[in-house]
């Protein structure tokens, strides 16, 4: 079969499956399960690059890794969040363009990232140290946190979540520099993710 199937890309494939499971869950109206799938997809994405770096890869394998990671991110952190928020809006068609714009912003950012990363690798060795703009993977924590918080304090999320999503989409394309988290930062993100998972389980209806 075409493609690569060694351990450097398996976690990306698993994360993509979580993305599909989240889409299927929100399609059937299960908000809690879709948010859990979003968190699990984010967990896979956090470690797939680290695992890939443990193997000496060919140029083709590296480029494949960049492409497949971004394609997976489109599903997990572009399509899935936009459908979650559209569901949270009560499937209000007035908010559908906002959800679509968010998805487009995620797509544009990921395509730009692929081009930028390939150019960077021509002149630099090692991993990237900074991001330009907000990474799409931040939706993993922000969306479950916002939805859970609004549920816990009793605010109507139908008219708040779409505007939060729009701000996130704008931040994806805004060219500010953000340092890439290393070991301590990733530990903090894992702790926050566990906290989000607990809040989702306690504060979001199934």
Protein backbone atom coordinates (compact mmCIF):
# COMPACT_ATOMS: atom_id res chain seq x y z
CA UNK A 1 0.00 0.00 0.00
CA UNK A 2 1.15 3.57 -0.61
CA UNK A 3 2.06 5.64 2.41
CA UNK A 4 4.04 4.90 5.56
CA UNK A 5 2.91 2.73 8.45
CA UNK A 6 5.83 2.62 10.87
CA UNK A 7 5.56 3.75 14.48
CA UNK A 8 6.43 7.38 13.63
CA UNK A 9 2.98 8.00 12.10
CA UNK A 10 0.74 5.52 13.93
CA UNK A 11 -0.12 7.99 16.70
CA UNK A 12 -1.19 10.52 14.07
CA UNK A 13 -3.47 7.89 12.55
CA UNK A 14 -4.93 7.10 15.98
CA UNK A 15 -5.56 10.80 16.60
CA UNK A 16 -7.37 11.04 13.28
CA UNK A 17 -9.64 8.18 14.32
CA UNK A 18 -10.46 10.07 17.52
CA UNK A 19 -11.29 13.05 15.32
CA UNK A 20 -13.72 10.97 13.29
CA UNK A 21 -15.23 9.50 16.46
CA UNK A 22 -15.76 13.03 17.76
CA UNK A 23 -17.48 14.07 14.52
CA UNK A 24 -19.72 11.00 14.65
CA UNK A 25 -20.52 11.71 18.31
CA UNK A 26 -21.52 15.35 17.78
CA UNK A 27 -23.49 14.33 14.68
CA UNK A 28 -25.54 12.05 16.95
CA UNK A 29 -25.87 14.79 19.59
CA UNK A 30 -23.42 13.49 22.19
CA UNK A 31 -21.55 16.63 23.20
CA UNK A 32 -19.66 15.09 26.11
CA UNK A 33 -18.23 12.22 24.06
CA UNK A 34 -17.23 14.56 21.22
CA UNK A 35 -15.29 16.76 23.67
CA UNK A 36 -13.55 13.70 25.12
CA UNK A 37 -12.54 12.66 21.59
CA UNK A 38 -11.20 16.17 20.97
CA UNK A 39 -9.08 15.95 24.12
CA UNK A 40 -7.77 12.51 23.14
CA UNK A 41 -6.92 13.72 19.63
CA UNK A 42 -4.97 16.57 21.20
CA UNK A 43 -3.09 14.12 23.43
CA UNK A 44 -2.06 12.09 20.37
CA UNK A 45 -0.94 15.23 18.57
CA UNK A 46 1.18 16.33 21.52
CA UNK A 47 3.40 13.25 21.32
CA UNK A 48 3.40 12.22 17.66
CA UNK A 49 6.23 14.61 16.75
CA UNK A 50 8.33 13.49 19.71
CA UNK A 51 7.90 9.86 18.76
CA UNK A 52 8.72 10.60 15.11
CA UNK A 53 11.98 12.29 16.13
CA UNK A 54 13.28 9.04 17.65
CA UNK A 55 13.72 7.48 14.20
CA UNK A 56 16.16 8.46 11.48
CA UNK A 57 13.77 9.21 8.61
CA UNK A 58 14.32 9.75 4.92
CA UNK A 59 13.45 13.10 3.32
CA UNK A 60 10.27 11.55 1.90
CA UNK A 61 9.26 10.22 5.32
CA UNK A 62 9.79 13.64 6.91
CA UNK A 63 7.69 15.38 4.29
CA UNK A 64 5.00 12.72 4.57
CA UNK A 65 4.98 13.25 8.34
CA UNK A 66 4.46 17.00 7.92
CA UNK A 67 1.63 16.51 5.44
CA UNK A 68 -0.19 13.73 7.29
CA UNK A 69 0.03 15.60 10.59
CA UNK A 70 -1.54 18.73 9.11
CA UNK A 71 -4.23 16.75 7.27
CA UNK A 72 -5.11 15.05 10.55
CA UNK A 73 -5.18 18.44 12.28
CA UNK A 74 -7.70 19.73 9.72
CA UNK A 75 -10.08 16.95 10.79
CA UNK A 76 -9.40 17.00 14.53
CA UNK A 77 -8.91 20.72 15.19
CA UNK A 78 -10.64 22.29 12.20
CA UNK A 79 -13.74 20.28 11.29
CA UNK A 80 -14.50 18.77 14.72
CA UNK A 81 -14.42 22.05 16.73
CA UNK A 82 -16.54 23.85 14.13
CA UNK A 83 -19.20 21.11 14.31
CA UNK A 84 -19.09 21.08 18.12
CA UNK A 85 -19.73 24.82 18.28
CA UNK A 86 -22.42 24.65 15.59
CA UNK A 87 -24.13 22.05 17.78
CA UNK A 88 -23.69 24.26 20.86
CA UNK A 89 -25.32 27.16 19.00
CA UNK A 90 -28.47 25.08 18.64
CA UNK A 91 -27.59 24.57 14.96
CA UNK A 92 -28.47 28.20 14.42
CA UNK A 93 -27.89 28.93 10.72
CA UNK A 94 -26.92 32.52 11.57
CA UNK A 95 -23.80 31.11 13.27
CA UNK A 96 -22.99 28.61 10.52
CA UNK A 97 -20.78 31.16 8.64
CA UNK A 98 -18.72 31.73 11.80
CA UNK A 99 -18.14 28.00 12.17
CA UNK A 100 -17.23 27.77 8.49
CA UNK A 101 -14.81 30.71 8.77
CA UNK A 102 -13.11 29.05 11.73
CA UNK A 103 -12.65 25.87 9.71
CA UNK A 104 -11.27 27.90 6.79
CA UNK A 105 -8.86 29.75 9.10
CA UNK A 106 -7.58 26.41 10.46
CA UNK A 107 -7.15 25.08 6.90
CA UNK A 108 -5.25 28.18 5.73
CA UNK A 109 -3.00 28.16 8.79
CA UNK A 110 -2.12 24.48 8.40
CA UNK A 111 -1.37 24.87 4.69
CA UNK A 112 0.82 27.88 5.46
CA UNK A 113 2.55 25.96 8.25
CA UNK A 114 3.45 23.14 5.84
CA UNK A 115 5.06 25.56 3.40
CA UNK A 116 6.85 27.45 6.18
CA UNK A 117 8.13 24.25 7.82
CA UNK A 118 9.55 22.92 4.57
CA UNK A 119 11.35 26.22 3.98
CA UNK A 120 12.65 26.23 7.57
CA UNK A 121 14.06 22.73 7.26
CA UNK A 122 16.14 23.83 4.27
CA UNK A 123 18.12 26.22 6.48
CA UNK A 124 17.71 24.90 10.04
CA UNK A 125 18.23 21.60 11.82
CA UNK A 126 16.19 20.31 14.73
CA UNK A 127 12.68 21.19 15.78
CA UNK A 128 10.92 24.52 15.52
CA UNK A 129 11.27 26.78 18.58
CA UNK A 130 8.44 29.25 17.97
CA UNK A 131 5.04 29.37 16.31
CA UNK A 132 3.69 32.28 14.30
CA UNK A 133 0.07 32.75 15.31
CA UNK A 134 -2.02 30.57 17.59
CA UNK A 135 -1.62 26.82 16.84
CA UNK A 136 -4.87 25.09 15.89
CA UNK A 137 -4.21 22.46 18.55
CA UNK A 138 -5.09 24.99 21.27
CA UNK A 139 -8.72 24.19 20.47
CA UNK A 140 -8.10 20.91 22.33
CA UNK A 141 -8.11 22.76 25.65
CA UNK A 142 -9.94 26.01 24.94
CA UNK A 143 -13.17 24.58 23.54
CA UNK A 144 -13.82 21.96 26.28
CA UNK A 145 -12.86 24.54 28.92
CA UNK A 146 -15.20 27.25 27.59
CA UNK A 147 -18.14 24.88 27.10
CA UNK A 148 -17.68 23.26 30.52
CA UNK A 149 -17.31 26.63 32.24
CA UNK A 150 -20.46 28.04 30.63
CA UNK A 151 -22.38 24.91 31.64
CA UNK A 152 -21.14 25.01 35.21
CA UNK A 153 -22.01 28.69 35.77
CA UNK A 154 -25.29 28.38 33.94
CA UNK A 155 -24.71 30.76 31.03
CA UNK A 156 -26.35 30.21 27.66
CA UNK A 157 -23.56 28.96 25.42
CA UNK A 158 -25.61 29.24 22.22
CA UNK A 159 -24.70 32.90 21.72
CA UNK A 160 -21.23 32.90 23.33
CA UNK A 161 -19.41 29.88 21.88
CA UNK A 162 -19.57 30.99 18.22
CA UNK A 163 -17.87 34.31 19.03
CA UNK A 164 -15.17 32.53 21.03
CA UNK A 165 -14.63 30.33 17.98
CA UNK A 166 -14.36 33.37 15.72
CA UNK A 167 -11.69 34.91 17.97
CA UNK A 168 -9.73 31.66 17.88
CA UNK A 169 -9.90 31.55 14.09
CA UNK A 170 -8.62 35.12 13.89
CA UNK A 171 -5.76 34.24 16.26
CA UNK A 172 -4.76 31.36 13.96
CA UNK A 173 -3.94 33.87 11.22
CA UNK A 174 -2.54 36.69 13.34
CA UNK A 175 1.28 36.79 12.98
CA UNK A 176 2.43 37.00 16.61
CA UNK A 177 5.25 34.81 17.90
CA UNK A 178 4.53 32.13 20.48
CA UNK A 179 7.22 29.95 22.03
CA UNK A 180 6.72 26.24 21.50
CA UNK A 181 6.20 24.43 24.82
CA UNK A 182 8.91 22.04 25.92
CA UNK A 183 8.88 19.43 28.67
CA UNK A 184 7.55 21.64 31.48
CA UNK A 185 5.03 23.28 29.18
CA UNK A 186 3.78 19.90 27.97
CA UNK A 187 3.42 18.66 31.54
CA UNK A 188 1.33 21.74 32.34
CA UNK A 189 -0.79 21.13 29.25
CA UNK A 190 -1.35 17.49 30.24
CA UNK A 191 -2.45 18.58 33.72
CA UNK A 192 -4.79 21.15 32.18
CA UNK A 193 -6.10 18.49 29.81
CA UNK A 194 -6.85 16.15 32.72
CA UNK A 195 -8.58 19.04 34.47
CA UNK A 196 -10.64 19.73 31.35
CA UNK A 197 -11.55 16.05 31.10
CA UNK A 198 -12.80 16.02 34.70
CA UNK A 199 -14.81 19.20 34.15
CA UNK A 200 -16.28 17.79 30.93
CA UNK A 201 -17.33 14.60 32.71
CA UNK A 202 -18.90 16.58 35.56
CA UNK A 203 -20.27 19.63 33.78
CA UNK A 204 -21.28 18.65 30.25
CA UNK A 205 -24.41 16.61 29.53
CA UNK A 206 -24.04 13.52 27.36
